[in-house]
């Protein structure tokens, strides 16, 4: 096999910033050639599931999660809209163990919006990608807080079914929002950085493979 076949899509075009190939989704065949991309995503996905299960026992602050960053990284590396299923995989597997079903539809739909936000950024490069990472980190955290706390107020019975009860649920959730927000302000841009490092390694390896063949 030509080493360049592993580093380049079948069309022969290089996936570099500014090239047309960087502005379209990767095909399954291309991802099979670049097997390290889905491999990294699987490892990060597994880490997100394990972290969600063990974090409380480790004394980690509540709502310090890596599912948002894992979703952003998966979308950037796979560069495919189907990568948005990453947060669903994380919550589905971990919820099956934790038994978090009372506000499941609010939690899962909140993650769906995070996945859509990541999808919209999948073709961005450079400063735009990091701006999108901050947007997903901040916007995703605020949306998750607003929507899931509304679900708790509506379904859990912990708060009166009044406006004061709704406000009380949001006030009680502020410490969880702070942890999630601060975590995502670091982790989501870090995911963008990791994706960029993978892309740079591919670009650097491509001419090296050509030299080795010659």
N, C-alpha and C. Protein backbone atom coordinates (compact mmCIF):
# COMPACT_ATOMS: atom_id res chain seq x y z
N UNK A 1 0.85 -1.20 0.00
CA UNK A 1 0.00 0.00 0.00
C UNK A 1 0.88 1.24 0.00
N UNK A 2 0.51 2.21 -0.80
CA UNK A 2 1.21 3.49 -0.82
C UNK A 2 0.93 4.21 0.49
N UNK A 3 1.99 4.61 1.25
CA UNK A 3 1.73 5.30 2.54
C UNK A 3 0.86 6.52 2.39
N UNK A 4 0.90 7.15 1.23
CA UNK A 4 0.08 8.35 1.06
C UNK A 4 -1.40 8.02 1.02
N UNK A 5 -1.73 6.76 0.69
CA UNK A 5 -3.14 6.38 0.67
C UNK A 5 -3.75 6.47 2.06
N UNK A 6 -2.91 6.29 3.09
CA UNK A 6 -3.41 6.37 4.46
C UNK A 6 -3.65 7.81 4.88
N UNK A 7 -2.86 8.71 4.31
CA UNK A 7 -2.89 10.10 4.75
C UNK A 7 -3.75 10.98 3.89
N UNK A 8 -4.16 10.48 2.72
CA UNK A 8 -4.94 11.30 1.80
C UNK A 8 -6.25 10.60 1.47
N UNK A 9 -7.30 11.36 1.20
CA UNK A 9 -8.56 10.77 0.77
C UNK A 9 -8.39 10.14 -0.59
N UNK A 10 -9.27 9.20 -0.98
CA UNK A 10 -9.15 8.51 -2.25
C UNK A 10 -9.09 9.45 -3.43
N UNK A 11 -9.65 10.65 -3.33
CA UNK A 11 -9.65 11.57 -4.46
C UNK A 11 -8.26 12.11 -4.74
N UNK A 12 -7.31 11.95 -3.78
CA UNK A 12 -5.96 12.44 -3.95
C UNK A 12 -5.76 13.84 -3.45
N UNK A 13 -6.84 14.54 -3.08
CA UNK A 13 -6.71 15.91 -2.58
C UNK A 13 -6.29 15.91 -1.13
N UNK A 14 -5.47 16.87 -0.75
CA UNK A 14 -5.02 16.93 0.63
C UNK A 14 -6.03 17.67 1.48
N UNK A 15 -6.23 17.16 2.66
CA UNK A 15 -7.16 17.79 3.61
C UNK A 15 -6.39 18.84 4.40
N UNK A 16 -6.20 20.02 3.81
CA UNK A 16 -5.44 21.07 4.44
C UNK A 16 -6.31 22.32 4.55
N UNK A 17 -5.98 23.20 5.50
CA UNK A 17 -6.73 24.45 5.59
C UNK A 17 -6.71 25.18 4.27
N UNK A 18 -7.87 25.67 3.85
CA UNK A 18 -7.97 26.39 2.60
C UNK A 18 -8.24 25.51 1.41
N UNK A 19 -8.07 24.21 1.54
CA UNK A 19 -8.33 23.30 0.43
C UNK A 19 -9.80 22.93 0.41
N UNK A 20 -10.34 22.64 -0.78
CA UNK A 20 -11.76 22.31 -0.90
C UNK A 20 -12.13 21.09 -0.06
N UNK A 21 -11.19 20.14 0.08
CA UNK A 21 -11.51 18.93 0.84
C UNK A 21 -11.83 19.23 2.29
N UNK A 22 -11.29 20.31 2.81
CA UNK A 22 -11.55 20.66 4.21
C UNK A 22 -12.93 21.26 4.40
N UNK A 23 -13.63 21.52 3.31
CA UNK A 23 -14.93 22.18 3.40
C UNK A 23 -16.08 21.21 3.18
N UNK A 24 -15.80 19.94 3.19
CA UNK A 24 -16.85 18.94 3.04
C UNK A 24 -16.70 17.88 4.12
N UNK A 25 -17.75 17.09 4.31
CA UNK A 25 -17.69 16.01 5.29
C UNK A 25 -16.79 14.89 4.78
N UNK A 26 -16.18 14.18 5.72
CA UNK A 26 -15.39 13.01 5.36
C UNK A 26 -16.30 11.82 5.14
N UNK A 27 -15.97 10.99 4.18
CA UNK A 27 -16.75 9.79 3.91
C UNK A 27 -16.28 8.67 4.83
N UNK A 28 -17.07 7.61 4.89
CA UNK A 28 -16.70 6.45 5.69
C UNK A 28 -15.40 5.85 5.16
N UNK A 29 -15.23 5.83 3.85
CA UNK A 29 -14.00 5.30 3.26
C UNK A 29 -12.79 6.12 3.69
N UNK A 30 -12.93 7.43 3.69
CA UNK A 30 -11.83 8.29 4.09
C UNK A 30 -11.50 8.10 5.57
N UNK A 31 -12.52 7.94 6.40
CA UNK A 31 -12.27 7.71 7.82
C UNK A 31 -11.65 6.34 8.06
N UNK A 32 -11.96 5.38 7.21
CA UNK A 32 -11.31 4.08 7.32
C UNK A 32 -9.82 4.20 7.01
N UNK A 33 -9.45 5.04 6.06
CA UNK A 33 -8.04 5.28 5.76
C UNK A 33 -7.36 6.00 6.92
N UNK A 34 -8.07 6.92 7.51
CA UNK A 34 -7.52 7.68 8.65
C UNK A 34 -8.06 7.06 9.94
N UNK A 35 -7.75 5.84 10.18
CA UNK A 35 -8.37 5.07 11.26
C UNK A 35 -8.11 5.69 12.63
N UNK A 36 -7.02 6.46 12.75
CA UNK A 36 -6.70 7.05 14.04
C UNK A 36 -7.74 8.06 14.49
N UNK A 37 -8.43 8.68 13.55
CA UNK A 37 -9.46 9.66 13.93
C UNK A 37 -10.61 9.00 14.69
N UNK A 38 -11.28 7.99 14.09
CA UNK A 38 -12.33 7.32 14.88
C UNK A 38 -11.79 6.62 16.11
N UNK A 39 -10.52 6.17 16.08
CA UNK A 39 -9.95 5.53 17.27
C UNK A 39 -9.86 6.52 18.42
N UNK A 40 -9.41 7.74 18.13
CA UNK A 40 -9.33 8.77 19.17
C UNK A 40 -10.72 9.08 19.71
N UNK A 41 -11.69 9.17 18.81
CA UNK A 41 -13.06 9.48 19.23
C UNK A 41 -13.60 8.39 20.16
N UNK A 42 -13.34 7.14 19.83
CA UNK A 42 -13.81 6.03 20.67
C UNK A 42 -13.18 6.11 22.06
N UNK A 43 -11.88 6.42 22.11
CA UNK A 43 -11.20 6.53 23.40
C UNK A 43 -11.78 7.68 24.24
N UNK A 44 -12.02 8.81 23.59
CA UNK A 44 -12.57 9.96 24.31
C UNK A 44 -14.01 9.67 24.75
N UNK A 45 -14.76 9.00 23.90
CA UNK A 45 -16.13 8.62 24.26
C UNK A 45 -16.14 7.71 25.48
N UNK A 46 -15.25 6.73 25.49
CA UNK A 46 -15.16 5.83 26.64
C UNK A 46 -14.76 6.59 27.90
N UNK A 47 -13.85 7.54 27.75
CA UNK A 47 -13.43 8.34 28.90
C UNK A 47 -14.58 9.17 29.44
N UNK A 48 -15.42 9.72 28.53
CA UNK A 48 -16.56 10.53 28.97
C UNK A 48 -17.56 9.69 29.75
N UNK A 49 -17.79 8.45 29.28
CA UNK A 49 -18.72 7.56 29.99
C UNK A 49 -18.18 7.19 31.36
N UNK A 50 -16.91 6.78 31.39
CA UNK A 50 -16.30 6.37 32.66
C UNK A 50 -16.28 7.54 33.64
N UNK A 51 -15.92 8.72 33.15
CA UNK A 51 -15.87 9.89 34.03
C UNK A 51 -17.24 10.18 34.64
N UNK A 52 -18.28 10.09 33.83
CA UNK A 52 -19.63 10.37 34.34
C UNK A 52 -20.02 9.38 35.43
N UNK A 53 -19.50 8.15 35.34
CA UNK A 53 -19.85 7.13 36.32
C UNK A 53 -19.03 7.25 37.60
N UNK A 54 -17.77 7.63 37.48
CA UNK A 54 -16.89 7.60 38.65
C UNK A 54 -16.68 8.96 39.29
N UNK A 55 -17.03 10.04 38.59
CA UNK A 55 -16.75 11.38 39.11
C UNK A 55 -17.31 11.62 40.51
N UNK A 56 -18.58 11.23 40.79
CA UNK A 56 -19.09 11.48 42.14
C UNK A 56 -18.28 10.76 43.22
N UNK A 57 -17.87 9.54 42.93
CA UNK A 57 -17.09 8.79 43.91
C UNK A 57 -15.71 9.35 44.13
N UNK A 58 -15.19 10.08 43.15
CA UNK A 58 -13.87 10.69 43.27
C UNK A 58 -13.93 12.06 43.95
N UNK A 59 -15.13 12.51 44.27
CA UNK A 59 -15.26 13.82 44.91
C UNK A 59 -15.16 14.98 43.95
N UNK A 60 -15.36 14.73 42.65
CA UNK A 60 -15.29 15.80 41.66
C UNK A 60 -16.49 16.73 41.84
N UNK A 61 -16.32 18.01 41.52
CA UNK A 61 -17.45 18.94 41.63
C UNK A 61 -18.62 18.46 40.75
N UNK A 62 -19.85 18.57 41.23
CA UNK A 62 -20.99 18.14 40.43
C UNK A 62 -21.10 18.93 39.13
N UNK A 63 -21.45 18.21 38.07
CA UNK A 63 -21.61 18.78 36.73
C UNK A 63 -20.29 19.12 36.05
N UNK A 64 -19.18 18.62 36.56
CA UNK A 64 -17.93 18.73 35.82
C UNK A 64 -17.91 17.56 34.83
N UNK A 65 -18.25 17.84 33.59
CA UNK A 65 -18.42 16.78 32.60
C UNK A 65 -17.53 17.02 31.40
N UNK A 66 -17.27 15.95 30.64
CA UNK A 66 -16.45 16.07 29.44
C UNK A 66 -17.24 15.67 28.19
N UNK A 67 -18.54 15.45 28.33
CA UNK A 67 -19.35 15.05 27.18
C UNK A 67 -19.40 16.15 26.12
N UNK A 68 -19.49 17.42 26.55
CA UNK A 68 -19.52 18.52 25.58
C UNK A 68 -18.23 18.58 24.78
N UNK A 69 -17.09 18.50 25.48
CA UNK A 69 -15.80 18.52 24.80
C UNK A 69 -15.63 17.29 23.91
N UNK A 70 -16.10 16.13 24.38
CA UNK A 70 -16.01 14.91 23.57
C UNK A 70 -16.82 15.04 22.29
N UNK A 71 -17.99 15.66 22.39
CA UNK A 71 -18.82 15.87 21.21
C UNK A 71 -18.13 16.79 20.22
N UNK A 72 -17.57 17.88 20.72
CA UNK A 72 -16.90 18.84 19.84
C UNK A 72 -15.71 18.20 19.15
N UNK A 73 -14.92 17.43 19.88
CA UNK A 73 -13.77 16.75 19.29
C UNK A 73 -14.21 15.73 18.26
N UNK A 74 -15.26 14.97 18.56
CA UNK A 74 -15.73 13.95 17.63
C UNK A 74 -16.20 14.57 16.32
N UNK A 75 -16.92 15.67 16.42
CA UNK A 75 -17.41 16.33 15.20
C UNK A 75 -16.24 16.87 14.37
N UNK A 76 -15.22 17.42 15.02
CA UNK A 76 -14.08 17.97 14.29
C UNK A 76 -13.25 16.87 13.64
N UNK A 77 -13.02 15.78 14.35
CA UNK A 77 -12.18 14.72 13.80
C UNK A 77 -12.91 13.89 12.75
N UNK A 78 -14.15 13.54 13.02
CA UNK A 78 -14.91 12.75 12.06
C UNK A 78 -15.45 13.62 10.93
N UNK A 79 -15.60 14.91 11.23
CA UNK A 79 -16.13 15.90 10.28
C UNK A 79 -17.36 15.34 9.57
N UNK A 80 -18.30 14.94 10.39
CA UNK A 80 -19.52 14.32 9.88
C UNK A 80 -20.65 14.64 10.84
N UNK A 81 -21.81 14.93 10.30
CA UNK A 81 -22.94 15.32 11.14
C UNK A 81 -23.37 14.22 12.10
N UNK A 82 -23.09 12.97 11.73
CA UNK A 82 -23.48 11.86 12.60
C UNK A 82 -22.66 11.81 13.87
N UNK A 83 -21.56 12.56 13.93
CA UNK A 83 -20.76 12.58 15.16
C UNK A 83 -21.52 13.21 16.31
N UNK A 84 -22.62 13.88 16.03
CA UNK A 84 -23.43 14.49 17.09
C UNK A 84 -24.08 13.45 17.99
N UNK A 85 -24.04 12.17 17.59
CA UNK A 85 -24.61 11.14 18.45
C UNK A 85 -23.72 10.85 19.64
N UNK A 86 -22.50 11.42 19.67
CA UNK A 86 -21.58 11.16 20.78
C UNK A 86 -22.22 11.46 22.13
N UNK A 87 -22.83 12.63 22.35
CA UNK A 87 -23.42 12.87 23.67
C UNK A 87 -24.53 11.90 24.01
N UNK A 88 -25.28 11.44 23.00
CA UNK A 88 -26.33 10.46 23.26
C UNK A 88 -25.73 9.14 23.70
N UNK A 89 -24.62 8.75 23.08
CA UNK A 89 -23.96 7.51 23.48
C UNK A 89 -23.47 7.61 24.92
N UNK A 90 -22.91 8.77 25.27
CA UNK A 90 -22.40 8.97 26.62
C UNK A 90 -23.52 8.87 27.64
N UNK A 91 -24.61 9.60 27.42
CA UNK A 91 -25.69 9.61 28.42
C UNK A 91 -26.47 8.31 28.41
N UNK A 92 -26.61 7.66 27.24
CA UNK A 92 -27.35 6.41 27.18
C UNK A 92 -26.66 5.32 27.98
N UNK A 93 -25.36 5.19 27.77
CA UNK A 93 -24.61 4.14 28.48
C UNK A 93 -24.55 4.45 29.97
N UNK A 94 -24.22 5.68 30.31
CA UNK A 94 -24.08 6.02 31.73
C UNK A 94 -25.43 6.07 32.44
N UNK A 95 -26.48 6.53 31.76
CA UNK A 95 -27.80 6.55 32.39
C UNK A 95 -28.32 5.14 32.65
N UNK A 96 -27.93 4.20 31.78
CA UNK A 96 -28.34 2.81 32.00
C UNK A 96 -27.79 2.28 33.32
N UNK A 97 -26.62 2.79 33.72
CA UNK A 97 -26.01 2.37 34.98
C UNK A 97 -26.52 3.22 36.14
N UNK A 98 -26.59 4.54 35.92
CA UNK A 98 -26.98 5.45 36.99
C UNK A 98 -28.48 5.45 37.25
N UNK A 99 -29.27 5.10 36.24
CA UNK A 99 -30.72 5.11 36.40
C UNK A 99 -31.32 6.49 36.37
N UNK A 100 -30.69 7.43 35.66
CA UNK A 100 -31.22 8.80 35.57
C UNK A 100 -32.32 8.85 34.51
N UNK A 101 -33.54 8.63 34.91
CA UNK A 101 -34.63 8.57 33.94
C UNK A 101 -35.72 9.60 34.18
N UNK A 102 -35.73 10.24 35.33
CA UNK A 102 -36.85 11.11 35.68
C UNK A 102 -37.00 12.29 34.73
N UNK A 103 -35.89 12.91 34.39
CA UNK A 103 -35.95 14.03 33.44
C UNK A 103 -35.13 13.70 32.19
N UNK A 104 -35.16 12.42 31.82
CA UNK A 104 -34.33 11.94 30.72
C UNK A 104 -34.54 12.73 29.44
N UNK A 105 -35.81 13.03 29.11
CA UNK A 105 -36.08 13.70 27.84
C UNK A 105 -35.54 15.12 27.84
N UNK A 106 -35.53 15.76 29.00
CA UNK A 106 -34.94 17.10 29.07
C UNK A 106 -33.42 17.03 28.94
N UNK A 107 -32.82 16.04 29.60
CA UNK A 107 -31.36 15.89 29.53
C UNK A 107 -30.92 15.56 28.11
N UNK A 108 -31.58 14.60 27.50
CA UNK A 108 -31.17 14.16 26.17
C UNK A 108 -31.41 15.25 25.13
N UNK A 109 -32.51 15.97 25.23
CA UNK A 109 -32.76 17.04 24.26
C UNK A 109 -31.79 18.19 24.46
N UNK A 110 -31.35 18.42 25.70
CA UNK A 110 -30.33 19.44 25.93
C UNK A 110 -29.03 19.07 25.24
N UNK A 111 -28.64 17.80 25.32
CA UNK A 111 -27.44 17.35 24.63
C UNK A 111 -27.61 17.43 23.12
N UNK A 112 -28.82 17.25 22.63
CA UNK A 112 -29.05 17.34 21.18
C UNK A 112 -28.69 18.72 20.67
N UNK A 113 -29.04 19.75 21.41
CA UNK A 113 -28.73 21.12 21.00
C UNK A 113 -27.22 21.34 21.02
N UNK A 114 -26.52 20.78 22.01
CA UNK A 114 -25.07 20.87 22.05
C UNK A 114 -24.46 20.21 20.81
N UNK A 115 -25.01 19.05 20.43
CA UNK A 115 -24.52 18.36 19.24
C UNK A 115 -24.72 19.17 17.98
N UNK A 116 -25.87 19.83 17.87
CA UNK A 116 -26.13 20.67 16.69
C UNK A 116 -25.14 21.83 16.63
N UNK A 117 -24.87 22.44 17.78
CA UNK A 117 -23.91 23.53 17.82
C UNK A 117 -22.53 23.09 17.36
N UNK A 118 -22.13 21.89 17.77
CA UNK A 118 -20.83 21.36 17.34
C UNK A 118 -20.81 21.09 15.84
N UNK A 119 -21.91 20.58 15.32
CA UNK A 119 -21.99 20.28 13.88
C UNK A 119 -21.78 21.54 13.05
N UNK A 120 -22.35 22.63 13.48
CA UNK A 120 -22.24 23.88 12.73
C UNK A 120 -20.80 24.38 12.64
N UNK A 121 -19.94 23.89 13.55
CA UNK A 121 -18.55 24.36 13.58
C UNK A 121 -17.59 23.38 12.93
N UNK A 122 -18.08 22.30 12.32
CA UNK A 122 -17.19 21.22 11.93
C UNK A 122 -16.23 21.58 10.80
N UNK A 123 -16.52 22.61 10.00
CA UNK A 123 -15.64 22.98 8.90
C UNK A 123 -14.78 24.20 9.21
N UNK A 124 -14.89 24.72 10.43
CA UNK A 124 -14.13 25.92 10.77
C UNK A 124 -12.68 25.57 11.06
N UNK A 125 -11.81 26.52 10.79
CA UNK A 125 -10.38 26.37 11.10
C UNK A 125 -9.88 27.65 11.76
N UNK A 126 -8.69 27.57 12.37
CA UNK A 126 -8.05 28.75 12.92
C UNK A 126 -8.84 29.40 14.04
N UNK A 127 -8.77 30.73 14.13
CA UNK A 127 -9.46 31.45 15.22
C UNK A 127 -10.96 31.18 15.25
N UNK A 128 -11.56 30.99 14.08
CA UNK A 128 -13.00 30.72 14.05
C UNK A 128 -13.37 29.46 14.79
N UNK A 129 -12.50 28.46 14.71
CA UNK A 129 -12.77 27.20 15.42
C UNK A 129 -12.74 27.41 16.92
N UNK A 130 -11.76 28.19 17.41
CA UNK A 130 -11.66 28.40 18.86
C UNK A 130 -12.80 29.31 19.36
N UNK A 131 -13.22 30.24 18.52
CA UNK A 131 -14.38 31.06 18.88
C UNK A 131 -15.62 30.18 18.99
N UNK A 132 -15.75 29.24 18.04
CA UNK A 132 -16.88 28.31 18.10
C UNK A 132 -16.80 27.41 19.32
N UNK A 133 -15.58 27.00 19.69
CA UNK A 133 -15.40 26.16 20.88
C UNK A 133 -15.88 26.90 22.13
N UNK A 134 -15.52 28.17 22.24
CA UNK A 134 -15.99 28.96 23.38
C UNK A 134 -17.50 29.11 23.34
N UNK A 135 -18.04 29.31 22.12
CA UNK A 135 -19.48 29.46 21.99
C UNK A 135 -20.23 28.20 22.40
N UNK A 136 -19.72 27.05 21.97
CA UNK A 136 -20.35 25.78 22.34
C UNK A 136 -20.20 25.54 23.84
N UNK A 137 -19.02 25.85 24.39
CA UNK A 137 -18.81 25.65 25.82
C UNK A 137 -19.72 26.51 26.68
N UNK A 138 -19.81 27.80 26.33
CA UNK A 138 -20.65 28.71 27.11
C UNK A 138 -22.13 28.49 26.81
N UNK A 139 -22.46 28.52 25.51
CA UNK A 139 -23.86 28.36 25.13
C UNK A 139 -24.43 27.02 25.54
N UNK A 140 -23.64 25.95 25.36
CA UNK A 140 -24.12 24.63 25.74
C UNK A 140 -24.36 24.52 27.23
N UNK A 141 -23.47 25.11 28.02
CA UNK A 141 -23.63 25.06 29.48
C UNK A 141 -24.88 25.83 29.93
N UNK A 142 -25.07 27.03 29.37
CA UNK A 142 -26.23 27.84 29.75
C UNK A 142 -27.53 27.17 29.33
N UNK A 143 -27.55 26.62 28.11
CA UNK A 143 -28.75 25.94 27.64
C UNK A 143 -29.06 24.72 28.49
N UNK A 144 -28.04 23.92 28.78
CA UNK A 144 -28.23 22.72 29.59
C UNK A 144 -28.80 23.10 30.96
N UNK A 145 -28.25 24.14 31.55
CA UNK A 145 -28.73 24.61 32.85
C UNK A 145 -30.19 25.05 32.78
N UNK A 146 -30.50 25.88 31.79
CA UNK A 146 -31.86 26.43 31.70
C UNK A 146 -32.89 25.34 31.43
N UNK A 147 -32.58 24.44 30.52
CA UNK A 147 -33.57 23.45 30.08
C UNK A 147 -33.76 22.35 31.11
N UNK A 148 -32.66 21.81 31.67
CA UNK A 148 -32.80 20.70 32.61
C UNK A 148 -33.36 21.16 33.95
N UNK A 149 -33.03 22.37 34.37
CA UNK A 149 -33.63 22.86 35.61
C UNK A 149 -35.12 23.13 35.44
N UNK A 150 -35.50 23.54 34.24
CA UNK A 150 -36.94 23.66 33.95
C UNK A 150 -37.59 22.29 34.06
N UNK A 151 -36.92 21.25 33.56
CA UNK A 151 -37.45 19.90 33.66
C UNK A 151 -37.59 19.44 35.09
N UNK A 152 -36.60 19.76 35.93
CA UNK A 152 -36.68 19.41 37.35
C UNK A 152 -37.88 20.09 37.99
N UNK A 153 -38.06 21.37 37.71
CA UNK A 153 -39.20 22.11 38.27
C UNK A 153 -40.52 21.53 37.80
N UNK A 154 -40.57 21.11 36.55
CA UNK A 154 -41.83 20.64 35.96
C UNK A 154 -42.20 19.25 36.42
N UNK A 155 -41.20 18.37 36.58
CA UNK A 155 -41.50 16.96 36.78
C UNK A 155 -41.09 16.39 38.13
N UNK A 156 -40.14 17.00 38.79
CA UNK A 156 -39.55 16.37 39.96
C UNK A 156 -40.40 16.51 41.21
N UNK A 157 -41.17 17.59 41.33
CA UNK A 157 -41.98 17.82 42.51
C UNK A 157 -41.22 18.43 43.67
N UNK A 158 -39.96 18.80 43.46
CA UNK A 158 -39.17 19.40 44.53
C UNK A 158 -39.56 20.85 44.79
N UNK A 159 -40.14 21.50 43.78
CA UNK A 159 -40.44 22.93 43.88
C UNK A 159 -41.92 23.15 43.56
N UNK A 160 -42.51 24.19 44.16
CA UNK A 160 -43.90 24.51 43.86
C UNK A 160 -44.08 24.83 42.37
N UNK A 161 -45.26 24.53 41.86
CA UNK A 161 -45.56 24.77 40.44
C UNK A 161 -45.95 26.22 40.22
N UNK A 162 -45.07 27.11 40.65
CA UNK A 162 -45.29 28.55 40.52
C UNK A 162 -44.03 29.19 39.96
N UNK A 163 -44.14 30.46 39.60
CA UNK A 163 -42.97 31.17 39.10
C UNK A 163 -41.88 31.23 40.17
N UNK A 164 -42.28 31.41 41.41
CA UNK A 164 -41.29 31.42 42.50
C UNK A 164 -40.59 30.07 42.60
N UNK A 165 -41.34 29.01 42.40
CA UNK A 165 -40.73 27.68 42.43
C UNK A 165 -39.73 27.48 41.31
N UNK A 166 -40.07 27.99 40.11
CA UNK A 166 -39.15 27.90 38.97
C UNK A 166 -37.87 28.68 39.25
N UNK A 167 -38.02 29.89 39.79
CA UNK A 167 -36.85 30.70 40.12
C UNK A 167 -36.00 30.02 41.19
N UNK A 168 -36.66 29.37 42.13
CA UNK A 168 -35.92 28.66 43.19
C UNK A 168 -35.11 27.51 42.61
N UNK A 169 -35.67 26.83 41.60
CA UNK A 169 -34.93 25.73 40.99
C UNK A 169 -33.70 26.24 40.26
N UNK A 170 -33.82 27.41 39.64
CA UNK A 170 -32.65 27.98 38.96
C UNK A 170 -31.59 28.46 39.95
N UNK A 171 -32.03 29.07 41.03
CA UNK A 171 -31.08 29.52 42.05
C UNK A 171 -30.33 28.32 42.64
N UNK A 172 -31.06 27.25 42.90
CA UNK A 172 -30.42 26.05 43.47
C UNK A 172 -29.43 25.43 42.49
N UNK A 173 -29.66 25.64 41.20
CA UNK A 173 -28.78 25.03 40.21
C UNK A 173 -27.57 25.86 39.84
N UNK A 174 -27.44 27.07 40.38
CA UNK A 174 -26.33 27.95 40.02
C UNK A 174 -24.95 27.35 40.32
N UNK A 175 -24.75 26.69 41.47
CA UNK A 175 -23.43 26.07 41.70
C UNK A 175 -23.08 25.02 40.65
N UNK A 176 -24.08 24.27 40.16
CA UNK A 176 -23.84 23.27 39.13
C UNK A 176 -23.50 23.93 37.80
N UNK A 177 -24.17 25.05 37.51
CA UNK A 177 -23.87 25.80 36.29
C UNK A 177 -22.44 26.32 36.33
N UNK A 178 -22.02 26.85 37.46
CA UNK A 178 -20.66 27.40 37.55
C UNK A 178 -19.61 26.34 37.24
N UNK A 179 -19.79 25.15 37.81
CA UNK A 179 -18.82 24.09 37.57
C UNK A 179 -18.81 23.67 36.11
N UNK A 180 -19.98 23.47 35.54
CA UNK A 180 -20.08 23.05 34.15
C UNK A 180 -19.50 24.11 33.22
N UNK A 181 -19.81 25.37 33.49
CA UNK A 181 -19.34 26.46 32.65
C UNK A 181 -17.82 26.59 32.69
N UNK A 182 -17.25 26.59 33.88
CA UNK A 182 -15.80 26.71 34.01
C UNK A 182 -15.09 25.53 33.37
N UNK A 183 -15.64 24.33 33.56
CA UNK A 183 -15.04 23.16 32.94
C UNK A 183 -15.06 23.23 31.43
N UNK A 184 -16.18 23.62 30.86
CA UNK A 184 -16.29 23.67 29.40
C UNK A 184 -15.49 24.82 28.79
N UNK A 185 -15.25 25.88 29.56
CA UNK A 185 -14.42 26.97 29.07
C UNK A 185 -12.98 26.51 28.85
N UNK A 186 -12.58 25.46 29.55
CA UNK A 186 -11.24 24.89 29.38
C UNK A 186 -11.26 23.70 28.44
N UNK A 187 -12.20 22.78 28.66
CA UNK A 187 -12.17 21.50 27.97
C UNK A 187 -12.57 21.59 26.50
N UNK A 188 -13.54 22.42 26.15
CA UNK A 188 -13.98 22.48 24.75
C UNK A 188 -12.90 23.13 23.87
N UNK A 189 -12.30 24.27 24.27
CA UNK A 189 -11.17 24.77 23.48
C UNK A 189 -10.01 23.77 23.42
N UNK A 190 -9.79 23.01 24.51
CA UNK A 190 -8.75 21.99 24.48
C UNK A 190 -9.06 20.92 23.44
N UNK A 191 -10.34 20.58 23.30
CA UNK A 191 -10.74 19.63 22.25
C UNK A 191 -10.43 20.18 20.87
N UNK A 192 -10.66 21.48 20.67
CA UNK A 192 -10.32 22.11 19.39
C UNK A 192 -8.82 22.07 19.15
N UNK A 193 -8.04 22.29 20.21
CA UNK A 193 -6.58 22.22 20.10
C UNK A 193 -6.12 20.81 19.73
N UNK A 194 -6.72 19.81 20.37
CA UNK A 194 -6.35 18.43 20.08
C UNK A 194 -6.66 18.06 18.64
N UNK A 195 -7.82 18.49 18.15
CA UNK A 195 -8.16 18.23 16.75
C UNK A 195 -7.16 18.89 15.81
N UNK A 196 -6.74 20.11 16.14
CA UNK A 196 -5.75 20.80 15.32
C UNK A 196 -4.41 20.09 15.32
N UNK A 197 -4.02 19.53 16.46
CA UNK A 197 -2.76 18.78 16.52
C UNK A 197 -2.81 17.53 15.65
N UNK A 198 -3.94 16.86 15.64
CA UNK A 198 -4.10 15.68 14.79
C UNK A 198 -3.98 16.07 13.32
N UNK A 199 -4.63 17.16 12.95
CA UNK A 199 -4.57 17.62 11.56
C UNK A 199 -3.15 18.02 11.16
N UNK A 200 -2.43 18.68 12.06
CA UNK A 200 -1.06 19.07 11.76
C UNK A 200 -0.16 17.85 11.62
N UNK A 201 -0.39 16.85 12.47
CA UNK A 201 0.41 15.63 12.39
C UNK A 201 0.17 14.93 11.05
N UNK A 202 -1.06 14.94 10.57
CA UNK A 202 -1.35 14.33 9.27
C UNK A 202 -0.65 15.09 8.15
N UNK A 203 -0.71 16.42 8.22
CA UNK A 203 -0.08 17.23 7.18
C UNK A 203 1.43 17.04 7.18
N UNK A 204 2.02 16.95 8.38
CA UNK A 204 3.48 16.76 8.48
C UNK A 204 3.88 15.38 8.01
N UNK A 205 3.05 14.38 8.26
CA UNK A 205 3.38 13.01 7.89
C UNK A 205 3.23 12.76 6.41
N UNK A 206 2.38 13.53 5.73
CA UNK A 206 2.15 13.30 4.31
C UNK A 206 3.41 13.48 3.47
N UNK A 207 4.17 14.60 3.56
CA UNK A 207 5.40 14.71 2.79
C UNK A 207 6.45 13.72 3.24
N UNK A 208 6.44 13.35 4.55
CA UNK A 208 7.41 12.38 5.03
C UNK A 208 7.17 11.03 4.38
N UNK A 209 5.89 10.67 4.19
CA UNK A 209 5.57 9.41 3.52
C UNK A 209 6.01 9.43 2.07
N UNK A 210 5.84 10.59 1.42
CA UNK A 210 6.24 10.70 0.03
C UNK A 210 7.76 10.55 -0.11
N UNK A 211 8.51 11.14 0.83
CA UNK A 211 9.97 11.03 0.80
C UNK A 211 10.40 9.59 1.02
N UNK A 212 9.72 8.91 1.96
CA UNK A 212 10.07 7.52 2.24
C UNK A 212 9.85 6.63 1.01
N UNK A 213 8.78 6.92 0.28
CA UNK A 213 8.50 6.12 -0.91
C UNK A 213 9.55 6.37 -1.98
N UNK A 214 9.97 7.66 -2.12
CA UNK A 214 10.98 7.99 -3.12
C UNK A 214 12.34 7.46 -2.75
